[in-house]
């Protein structure tokens, strides 16, 4: 690299937004079923400041997703983390849980320590994991187009 390329690289690094990654701490996992498995097949990350786990409408959508036959999941293989009551990062989550598929409901990538640009309702692969970033449950339930795009994306996640 020459001096101009170095200067451009440094400028790009220091002119971008910086996000704090929450310190390492134990994250509480909630299950959409009775008991969560040691190896989760799907993790929902949401941000709801009104409840510790998930609202009734959030839980219903998550359970319907877990029960969807095309995905071949069991409710106990689907976990929920509410980052409103316990800020965390993907790194911290991966240190505690074995999961390859993450759906972020109304959560921006930087809120979980990812500095990435993405499109909503599409499967995004990162470090051998699949992510879908989508709207909050309330928006999904109100907007049929967003809901259909989300369910198409999650179906493709499990092909």
C-alpha atoms as a PDB file:
ATOM      1  CA  UNK A   1       0.000   0.000   0.000  1.00  0.00           C
ATOM      2  CA  UNK A   2       1.247   3.475  -0.768  1.00  0.00           C
ATOM      3  CA  UNK A   3       0.841   6.529   1.469  1.00  0.00           C
ATOM      4  CA  UNK A   4      -2.324   7.696  -0.308  1.00  0.00           C
ATOM      5  CA  UNK A   5      -3.984   4.277   0.090  1.00  0.00           C
ATOM      6  CA  UNK A   6      -2.938   4.185   3.766  1.00  0.00           C
ATOM      7  CA  UNK A   7      -4.361   7.644   4.334  1.00  0.00           C
ATOM      8  CA  UNK A   8      -7.612   6.680   2.586  1.00  0.00           C
ATOM      9  CA  UNK A   9      -7.885   3.498   4.655  1.00  0.00           C
ATOM     10  CA  UNK A  10      -7.283   5.371   7.917  1.00  0.00           C
ATOM     11  CA  UNK A  11      -9.781   8.039   6.975  1.00  0.00           C
ATOM     12  CA  UNK A  12     -12.399   5.375   6.206  1.00  0.00           C
ATOM     13  CA  UNK A  13     -11.793   3.703   9.571  1.00  0.00           C
ATOM     14  CA  UNK A  14     -11.892   6.870  11.640  1.00  0.00           C
ATOM     15  CA  UNK A  15     -14.633   8.733   9.799  1.00  0.00           C
ATOM     16  CA  UNK A  16     -17.230   5.951  10.143  1.00  0.00           C
ATOM     17  CA  UNK A  17     -19.574   5.488  13.039  1.00  0.00           C
ATOM     18  CA  UNK A  18     -18.221   3.628  16.050  1.00  0.00           C
ATOM     19  CA  UNK A  19     -20.432   1.257  17.998  1.00  0.00           C
ATOM     20  CA  UNK A  20     -19.844   0.054  21.503  1.00  0.00           C
ATOM     21  CA  UNK A  21     -20.110  -3.665  21.986  1.00  0.00           C
ATOM     22  CA  UNK A  22     -21.541  -4.445  25.423  1.00  0.00           C
ATOM     23  CA  UNK A  23     -19.096  -6.107  27.771  1.00  0.00           C
ATOM     24  CA  UNK A  24     -19.160  -9.864  28.124  1.00  0.00           C
ATOM     25  CA  UNK A  25     -21.999 -10.936  30.375  1.00  0.00           C
ATOM     26  CA  UNK A  26     -24.300 -13.908  30.705  1.00  0.00           C
ATOM     27  CA  UNK A  27     -27.373 -13.574  28.513  1.00  0.00           C
ATOM     28  CA  UNK A  28     -30.744 -14.963  29.552  1.00  0.00           C
ATOM     29  CA  UNK A  29     -32.314 -17.121  26.909  1.00  0.00           C
ATOM     30  CA  UNK A  30     -36.043 -17.712  26.814  1.00  0.00           C
ATOM     31  CA  UNK A  31     -37.691 -20.497  24.905  1.00  0.00           C
ATOM     32  CA  UNK A  32     -40.766 -20.525  22.735  1.00  0.00           C
ATOM     33  CA  UNK A  33     -41.431 -24.032  24.086  1.00  0.00           C
ATOM     34  CA  UNK A  34     -41.140 -25.726  27.450  1.00  0.00           C
ATOM     35  CA  UNK A  35     -37.384 -26.286  27.651  1.00  0.00           C
ATOM     36  CA  UNK A  36     -34.800 -24.982  25.225  1.00  0.00           C
ATOM     37  CA  UNK A  37     -32.317 -27.366  23.652  1.00  0.00           C
ATOM     38  CA  UNK A  38     -28.592 -27.054  24.137  1.00  0.00           C
ATOM     39  CA  UNK A  39     -28.250 -26.591  20.389  1.00  0.00           C
ATOM     40  CA  UNK A  40     -30.690 -24.031  19.119  1.00  0.00           C
ATOM     41  CA  UNK A  41     -31.704 -24.151  15.491  1.00  0.00           C
ATOM     42  CA  UNK A  42     -33.194 -20.641  15.493  1.00  0.00           C
ATOM     43  CA  UNK A  43     -32.710 -17.631  17.733  1.00  0.00           C
ATOM     44  CA  UNK A  44     -34.962 -14.580  17.725  1.00  0.00           C
ATOM     45  CA  UNK A  45     -33.420 -11.355  18.986  1.00  0.00           C
ATOM     46  CA  UNK A  46     -35.910  -8.633  19.766  1.00  0.00           C
ATOM     47  CA  UNK A  47     -36.034  -5.321  21.590  1.00  0.00           C
ATOM     48  CA  UNK A  48     -39.158  -4.803  23.665  1.00  0.00           C
ATOM     49  CA  UNK A  49     -38.777  -2.462  26.622  1.00  0.00           C
ATOM     50  CA  UNK A  50     -42.240  -3.308  27.990  1.00  0.00           C
ATOM     51  CA  UNK A  51     -41.534  -6.944  28.910  1.00  0.00           C
ATOM     52  CA  UNK A  52     -38.579  -9.065  30.035  1.00  0.00           C
ATOM     53  CA  UNK A  53     -39.022 -11.796  27.421  1.00  0.00           C
ATOM     54  CA  UNK A  54     -41.551 -11.187  24.632  1.00  0.00           C
ATOM     55  CA  UNK A  55     -45.040  -9.768  24.340  1.00  0.00           C
ATOM     56  CA  UNK A  56     -47.955 -12.092  23.685  1.00  0.00           C
ATOM     57  CA  UNK A  57     -48.087 -11.113  19.996  1.00  0.00           C
ATOM     58  CA  UNK A  58     -44.317 -11.626  19.621  1.00  0.00           C
ATOM     59  CA  UNK A  59     -44.532 -15.009  21.310  1.00  0.00           C
ATOM     60  CA  UNK A  60     -47.441 -16.081  19.092  1.00  0.00           C
ATOM     61  CA  UNK A  61     -45.551 -15.239  15.875  1.00  0.00           C
ATOM     62  CA  UNK A  62     -42.398 -16.963  17.158  1.00  0.00           C
ATOM     63  CA  UNK A  63     -44.384 -20.077  18.128  1.00  0.00           C
ATOM     64  CA  UNK A  64     -46.162 -20.136  14.745  1.00  0.00           C
ATOM     65  CA  UNK A  65     -42.765 -19.912  13.072  1.00  0.00           C
ATOM     66  CA  UNK A  66     -41.451 -22.778  15.225  1.00  0.00           C
ATOM     67  CA  UNK A  67     -44.540 -24.865  14.399  1.00  0.00           C
ATOM     68  CA  UNK A  68     -44.282 -24.229  10.635  1.00  0.00           C
ATOM     69  CA  UNK A  69     -43.818 -27.672   9.092  1.00  0.00           C
ATOM     70  CA  UNK A  70     -41.580 -26.432   6.255  1.00  0.00           C
ATOM     71  CA  UNK A  71     -38.906 -25.431   8.786  1.00  0.00           C
ATOM     72  CA  UNK A  72     -38.878 -28.804  10.616  1.00  0.00           C
ATOM     73  CA  UNK A  73     -38.351 -27.198  14.021  1.00  0.00           C
ATOM     74  CA  UNK A  74     -39.553 -27.919  17.518  1.00  0.00           C
ATOM     75  CA  UNK A  75     -40.491 -25.102  19.885  1.00  0.00           C
ATOM     76  CA  UNK A  76     -37.707 -26.075  22.283  1.00  0.00           C
ATOM     77  CA  UNK A  77     -35.163 -25.527  19.471  1.00  0.00           C
ATOM     78  CA  UNK A  78     -36.193 -21.879  19.136  1.00  0.00           C
ATOM     79  CA  UNK A  79     -34.821 -19.321  21.593  1.00  0.00           C
ATOM     80  CA  UNK A  80     -35.608 -15.694  22.348  1.00  0.00           C
ATOM     81  CA  UNK A  81     -33.320 -12.960  23.636  1.00  0.00           C
ATOM     82  CA  UNK A  82     -34.737  -9.537  24.474  1.00  0.00           C
ATOM     83  CA  UNK A  83     -31.878  -7.038  24.219  1.00  0.00           C
ATOM     84  CA  UNK A  84     -33.918  -4.221  25.769  1.00  0.00           C
ATOM     85  CA  UNK A  85     -33.386  -5.725  29.215  1.00  0.00           C
ATOM     86  CA  UNK A  86     -29.954  -7.225  28.523  1.00  0.00           C
ATOM     87  CA  UNK A  87     -27.803  -5.506  25.888  1.00  0.00           C
ATOM     88  CA  UNK A  88     -25.401  -7.941  24.256  1.00  0.00           C
ATOM     89  CA  UNK A  89     -23.498  -8.694  21.079  1.00  0.00           C
ATOM     90  CA  UNK A  90     -23.405 -11.543  18.577  1.00  0.00           C
ATOM     91  CA  UNK A  91     -19.981 -12.468  19.940  1.00  0.00           C
ATOM     92  CA  UNK A  92     -21.370 -12.858  23.471  1.00  0.00           C
ATOM     93  CA  UNK A  93     -24.344 -14.828  22.193  1.00  0.00           C
ATOM     94  CA  UNK A  94     -22.105 -17.222  20.252  1.00  0.00           C
ATOM     95  CA  UNK A  95     -19.896 -17.789  23.287  1.00  0.00           C
ATOM     96  CA  UNK A  96     -22.943 -19.024  25.210  1.00  0.00           C
ATOM     97  CA  UNK A  97     -25.164 -20.676  22.623  1.00  0.00           C
ATOM     98  CA  UNK A  98     -24.651 -22.838  19.577  1.00  0.00           C
ATOM     99  CA  UNK A  99     -26.905 -21.350  16.909  1.00  0.00           C
ATOM    100  CA  UNK A 100     -26.604 -20.974  13.137  1.00  0.00           C
ATOM    101  CA  UNK A 101     -29.801 -19.041  12.353  1.00  0.00           C
ATOM    102  CA  UNK A 102     -30.663 -15.676  13.887  1.00  0.00           C
ATOM    103  CA  UNK A 103     -33.683 -13.486  13.226  1.00  0.00           C
ATOM    104  CA  UNK A 104     -33.509  -9.917  14.522  1.00  0.00           C
ATOM    105  CA  UNK A 105     -36.969  -8.396  15.006  1.00  0.00           C
ATOM    106  CA  UNK A 106     -36.825  -4.598  15.025  1.00  0.00           C
ATOM    107  CA  UNK A 107     -33.127  -4.716  15.939  1.00  0.00           C
ATOM    108  CA  UNK A 108     -30.425  -2.917  13.971  1.00  0.00           C
ATOM    109  CA  UNK A 109     -27.141  -4.776  13.331  1.00  0.00           C
ATOM    110  CA  UNK A 110     -25.080  -2.276  15.351  1.00  0.00           C
ATOM    111  CA  UNK A 111     -27.262  -2.957  18.409  1.00  0.00           C
ATOM    112  CA  UNK A 112     -25.770  -6.457  18.541  1.00  0.00           C
ATOM    113  CA  UNK A 113     -22.220  -5.461  17.658  1.00  0.00           C
ATOM    114  CA  UNK A 114     -22.329  -5.895  13.870  1.00  0.00           C
ATOM    115  CA  UNK A 115     -21.124  -3.086  11.652  1.00  0.00           C
ATOM    116  CA  UNK A 116     -22.656  -4.192   8.377  1.00  0.00           C
ATOM    117  CA  UNK A 117     -24.893  -2.836   5.679  1.00  0.00           C
ATOM    118  CA  UNK A 118     -27.786  -5.041   4.755  1.00  0.00           C
ATOM    119  CA  UNK A 119     -31.218  -5.338   3.245  1.00  0.00           C
ATOM    120  CA  UNK A 120     -34.154  -6.300   5.414  1.00  0.00           C
ATOM    121  CA  UNK A 121     -36.052  -9.546   4.960  1.00  0.00           C
ATOM    122  CA  UNK A 122     -33.205 -11.292   3.164  1.00  0.00           C
ATOM    123  CA  UNK A 123     -30.914 -14.016   4.417  1.00  0.00           C
ATOM    124  CA  UNK A 124     -27.493 -12.587   5.166  1.00  0.00           C
ATOM    125  CA  UNK A 125     -24.583 -14.994   5.735  1.00  0.00           C
ATOM    126  CA  UNK A 126     -21.858 -13.984   8.181  1.00  0.00           C
ATOM    127  CA  UNK A 127     -19.317 -16.251   9.935  1.00  0.00           C
ATOM    128  CA  UNK A 128     -21.128 -19.496   8.995  1.00  0.00           C
ATOM    129  CA  UNK A 129     -24.379 -18.099  10.327  1.00  0.00           C
ATOM    130  CA  UNK A 130     -27.583 -16.973   8.685  1.00  0.00           C
ATOM    131  CA  UNK A 131     -29.169 -13.699   9.737  1.00  0.00           C
ATOM    132  CA  UNK A 132     -32.454 -12.078   8.841  1.00  0.00           C
ATOM    133  CA  UNK A 133     -33.032  -8.516   9.972  1.00  0.00           C
ATOM    134  CA  UNK A 134     -36.669  -7.506   9.773  1.00  0.00           C
ATOM    135  CA  UNK A 135     -39.239  -5.162  11.261  1.00  0.00           C
ATOM    136  CA  UNK A 136     -40.739  -5.493  14.705  1.00  0.00           C
ATOM    137  CA  UNK A 137     -43.582  -7.956  15.191  1.00  0.00           C
ATOM    138  CA  UNK A 138     -46.056  -5.082  15.340  1.00  0.00           C
ATOM    139  CA  UNK A 139     -44.975  -3.884  11.889  1.00  0.00           C
ATOM    140  CA  UNK A 140     -44.993  -7.435  10.500  1.00  0.00           C
ATOM    141  CA  UNK A 141     -48.560  -7.947  11.684  1.00  0.00           C
ATOM    142  CA  UNK A 142     -49.706  -4.625  10.206  1.00  0.00           C
ATOM    143  CA  UNK A 143     -48.000  -4.926   6.816  1.00  0.00           C
ATOM    144  CA  UNK A 144     -48.822  -7.982   4.710  1.00  0.00           C
ATOM    145  CA  UNK A 145     -46.020  -7.256   2.203  1.00  0.00           C
ATOM    146  CA  UNK A 146     -43.333  -7.154   4.912  1.00  0.00           C
ATOM    147  CA  UNK A 147     -44.784 -10.268   6.534  1.00  0.00           C
ATOM    148  CA  UNK A 148     -44.724 -12.218   3.248  1.00  0.00           C
ATOM    149  CA  UNK A 149     -41.126 -11.146   2.549  1.00  0.00           C
ATOM    150  CA  UNK A 150     -40.103 -12.197   6.053  1.00  0.00           C
ATOM    151  CA  UNK A 151     -41.682 -15.649   5.796  1.00  0.00           C
ATOM    152  CA  UNK A 152     -40.160 -16.180   2.336  1.00  0.00           C
ATOM    153  CA  UNK A 153     -36.737 -15.282   3.770  1.00  0.00           C
ATOM    154  CA  UNK A 154     -37.059 -17.560   6.791  1.00  0.00           C
ATOM    155  CA  UNK A 155     -38.207 -20.424   4.566  1.00  0.00           C
ATOM    156  CA  UNK A 156     -35.113 -19.974   2.391  1.00  0.00           C
ATOM    157  CA  UNK A 157     -32.970 -19.910   5.554  1.00  0.00           C
ATOM    158  CA  UNK A 158     -33.895 -23.540   6.258  1.00  0.00           C
ATOM    159  CA  UNK A 159     -33.578 -24.997   2.720  1.00  0.00           C
END
